[in-house]
């Protein structure tokens, strides 16, 4: 779990690229650890406004934990974002701030 702590420190310091590297390694070493996907990778991706990747990590977490509501939520967010007009999609990213 040291890798998670390092990733968390990078996220807190807004060093998202470094956090993504650490969190990807954590997920690769512990592929069934929901924390690696939901709390580590998704937060780092969110910091970089990489929303498709955030949603994918939410889905992975839902699959790992059996949380069908989490999977459904991630799917609904994807559907919502895809229905936005092209010019409004940039506004979607501002909702996370």
C-alpha atoms as a PDB file:
ATOM      1  CA  UNK A   1       0.000   0.000   0.000  1.00  0.00           C
ATOM      2  CA  UNK A   2       3.034   2.243  -0.042  1.00  0.00           C
ATOM      3  CA  UNK A   3       2.404   2.760  -3.765  1.00  0.00           C
ATOM      4  CA  UNK A   4      -1.081   4.033  -2.981  1.00  0.00           C
ATOM      5  CA  UNK A   5       0.320   6.500  -0.446  1.00  0.00           C
ATOM      6  CA  UNK A   6       2.880   7.742  -2.978  1.00  0.00           C
ATOM      7  CA  UNK A   7       0.159   8.115  -5.601  1.00  0.00           C
ATOM      8  CA  UNK A   8      -2.012   9.986  -3.122  1.00  0.00           C
ATOM      9  CA  UNK A   9       0.832  12.367  -2.311  1.00  0.00           C
ATOM     10  CA  UNK A  10       1.357  13.084  -6.014  1.00  0.00           C
ATOM     11  CA  UNK A  11      -2.376  13.707  -6.470  1.00  0.00           C
ATOM     12  CA  UNK A  12      -2.465  16.053  -3.479  1.00  0.00           C
ATOM     13  CA  UNK A  13       0.512  17.936  -4.920  1.00  0.00           C
ATOM     14  CA  UNK A  14      -1.244  18.081  -8.322  1.00  0.00           C
ATOM     15  CA  UNK A  15       1.520  16.057  -9.939  1.00  0.00           C
ATOM     16  CA  UNK A  16      -0.981  14.024 -11.888  1.00  0.00           C
ATOM     17  CA  UNK A  17       1.404  12.530 -14.464  1.00  0.00           C
ATOM     18  CA  UNK A  18       3.563  11.078 -11.698  1.00  0.00           C
ATOM     19  CA  UNK A  19       0.453   9.864  -9.875  1.00  0.00           C
ATOM     20  CA  UNK A  20      -0.805   8.091 -12.995  1.00  0.00           C
ATOM     21  CA  UNK A  21       2.481   6.211 -13.348  1.00  0.00           C
ATOM     22  CA  UNK A  22       2.441   5.127  -9.700  1.00  0.00           C
ATOM     23  CA  UNK A  23      -1.268   4.236  -9.729  1.00  0.00           C
ATOM     24  CA  UNK A  24      -0.965   2.259 -12.986  1.00  0.00           C
ATOM     25  CA  UNK A  25       1.864   0.258 -11.414  1.00  0.00           C
ATOM     26  CA  UNK A  26      -0.272  -0.308  -8.315  1.00  0.00           C
ATOM     27  CA  UNK A  27      -3.158  -1.541 -10.487  1.00  0.00           C
ATOM     28  CA  UNK A  28      -0.825  -3.785 -12.502  1.00  0.00           C
ATOM     29  CA  UNK A  29       0.658  -5.317  -9.343  1.00  0.00           C
ATOM     30  CA  UNK A  30      -2.770  -5.633  -7.665  1.00  0.00           C
ATOM     31  CA  UNK A  31      -5.302  -5.990 -10.497  1.00  0.00           C
ATOM     32  CA  UNK A  32      -8.148  -6.931  -8.153  1.00  0.00           C
ATOM     33  CA  UNK A  33      -7.603  -4.032  -5.724  1.00  0.00           C
ATOM     34  CA  UNK A  34     -10.540  -1.613  -6.189  1.00  0.00           C
ATOM     35  CA  UNK A  35      -8.630   1.168  -4.414  1.00  0.00           C
ATOM     36  CA  UNK A  36      -6.046   1.213  -7.210  1.00  0.00           C
ATOM     37  CA  UNK A  37      -8.737   2.033  -9.743  1.00  0.00           C
ATOM     38  CA  UNK A  38     -11.316   4.085  -7.901  1.00  0.00           C
ATOM     39  CA  UNK A  39      -9.321   6.150  -5.481  1.00  0.00           C
ATOM     40  CA  UNK A  40      -5.907   6.290  -7.111  1.00  0.00           C
ATOM     41  CA  UNK A  41      -6.202   6.171 -10.904  1.00  0.00           C
ATOM     42  CA  UNK A  42      -9.603   7.837 -11.226  1.00  0.00           C
ATOM     43  CA  UNK A  43      -8.515  10.788  -9.052  1.00  0.00           C
ATOM     44  CA  UNK A  44      -5.291  11.249 -11.004  1.00  0.00           C
ATOM     45  CA  UNK A  45      -7.175  11.120 -14.308  1.00  0.00           C
ATOM     46  CA  UNK A  46      -9.779  13.538 -12.967  1.00  0.00           C
ATOM     47  CA  UNK A  47      -7.011  15.951 -12.054  1.00  0.00           C
ATOM     48  CA  UNK A  48      -5.890  15.916 -15.677  1.00  0.00           C
ATOM     49  CA  UNK A  49      -9.504  16.177 -16.893  1.00  0.00           C
ATOM     50  CA  UNK A  50      -9.214  12.808 -18.614  1.00  0.00           C
ATOM     51  CA  UNK A  51     -12.875  12.002 -18.051  1.00  0.00           C
ATOM     52  CA  UNK A  52     -13.228   8.956 -20.324  1.00  0.00           C
ATOM     53  CA  UNK A  53     -10.443   7.297 -18.312  1.00  0.00           C
ATOM     54  CA  UNK A  54     -12.094   8.331 -15.016  1.00  0.00           C
ATOM     55  CA  UNK A  55     -15.320   6.669 -16.084  1.00  0.00           C
ATOM     56  CA  UNK A  56     -13.479   3.536 -17.199  1.00  0.00           C
ATOM     57  CA  UNK A  57     -11.800   3.256 -13.787  1.00  0.00           C
ATOM     58  CA  UNK A  58     -15.203   3.650 -12.107  1.00  0.00           C
ATOM     59  CA  UNK A  59     -16.486   0.773 -14.229  1.00  0.00           C
ATOM     60  CA  UNK A  60     -13.503  -1.406 -13.311  1.00  0.00           C
ATOM     61  CA  UNK A  61     -14.059  -0.680  -9.625  1.00  0.00           C
ATOM     62  CA  UNK A  62     -17.720  -1.606  -9.993  1.00  0.00           C
ATOM     63  CA  UNK A  63     -16.803  -4.883 -11.670  1.00  0.00           C
ATOM     64  CA  UNK A  64     -14.233  -5.734  -9.006  1.00  0.00           C
ATOM     65  CA  UNK A  65     -16.564  -5.009  -6.110  1.00  0.00           C
ATOM     66  CA  UNK A  66     -19.741  -6.292  -7.724  1.00  0.00           C
ATOM     67  CA  UNK A  67     -21.257  -2.832  -7.343  1.00  0.00           C
ATOM     68  CA  UNK A  68     -23.813  -2.816 -10.140  1.00  0.00           C
ATOM     69  CA  UNK A  69     -24.942   0.675  -9.109  1.00  0.00           C
ATOM     70  CA  UNK A  70     -21.423   1.994  -9.638  1.00  0.00           C
ATOM     71  CA  UNK A  71     -21.262   0.412 -13.082  1.00  0.00           C
ATOM     72  CA  UNK A  72     -24.683   1.813 -13.941  1.00  0.00           C
ATOM     73  CA  UNK A  73     -23.675   5.284 -12.721  1.00  0.00           C
ATOM     74  CA  UNK A  74     -20.520   5.258 -14.852  1.00  0.00           C
ATOM     75  CA  UNK A  75     -22.563   4.193 -17.871  1.00  0.00           C
ATOM     76  CA  UNK A  76     -25.101   6.954 -17.305  1.00  0.00           C
ATOM     77  CA  UNK A  77     -22.371   9.581 -17.006  1.00  0.00           C
ATOM     78  CA  UNK A  78     -20.932   8.352 -20.301  1.00  0.00           C
ATOM     79  CA  UNK A  79     -24.354   8.512 -21.968  1.00  0.00           C
ATOM     80  CA  UNK A  80     -24.939  12.013 -20.609  1.00  0.00           C
ATOM     81  CA  UNK A  81     -21.563  13.302 -21.818  1.00  0.00           C
ATOM     82  CA  UNK A  82     -22.013  11.808 -25.267  1.00  0.00           C
ATOM     83  CA  UNK A  83     -25.389  13.516 -25.699  1.00  0.00           C
ATOM     84  CA  UNK A  84     -23.995  16.965 -25.009  1.00  0.00           C
ATOM     85  CA  UNK A  85     -23.471  19.218 -28.030  1.00  0.00           C
ATOM     86  CA  UNK A  86     -19.815  19.419 -29.021  1.00  0.00           C
ATOM     87  CA  UNK A  87     -19.469  22.982 -27.700  1.00  0.00           C
ATOM     88  CA  UNK A  88     -20.978  22.062 -24.345  1.00  0.00           C
ATOM     89  CA  UNK A  89     -18.673  19.132 -23.688  1.00  0.00           C
ATOM     90  CA  UNK A  90     -15.992  21.500 -22.425  1.00  0.00           C
ATOM     91  CA  UNK A  91     -18.556  22.725 -19.895  1.00  0.00           C
ATOM     92  CA  UNK A  92     -18.953  19.149 -18.677  1.00  0.00           C
ATOM     93  CA  UNK A  93     -15.339  19.127 -17.529  1.00  0.00           C
ATOM     94  CA  UNK A  94     -15.911  22.258 -15.471  1.00  0.00           C
ATOM     95  CA  UNK A  95     -18.464  20.415 -13.323  1.00  0.00           C
ATOM     96  CA  UNK A  96     -15.658  18.561 -11.531  1.00  0.00           C
ATOM     97  CA  UNK A  97     -13.936  21.718 -10.268  1.00  0.00           C
END
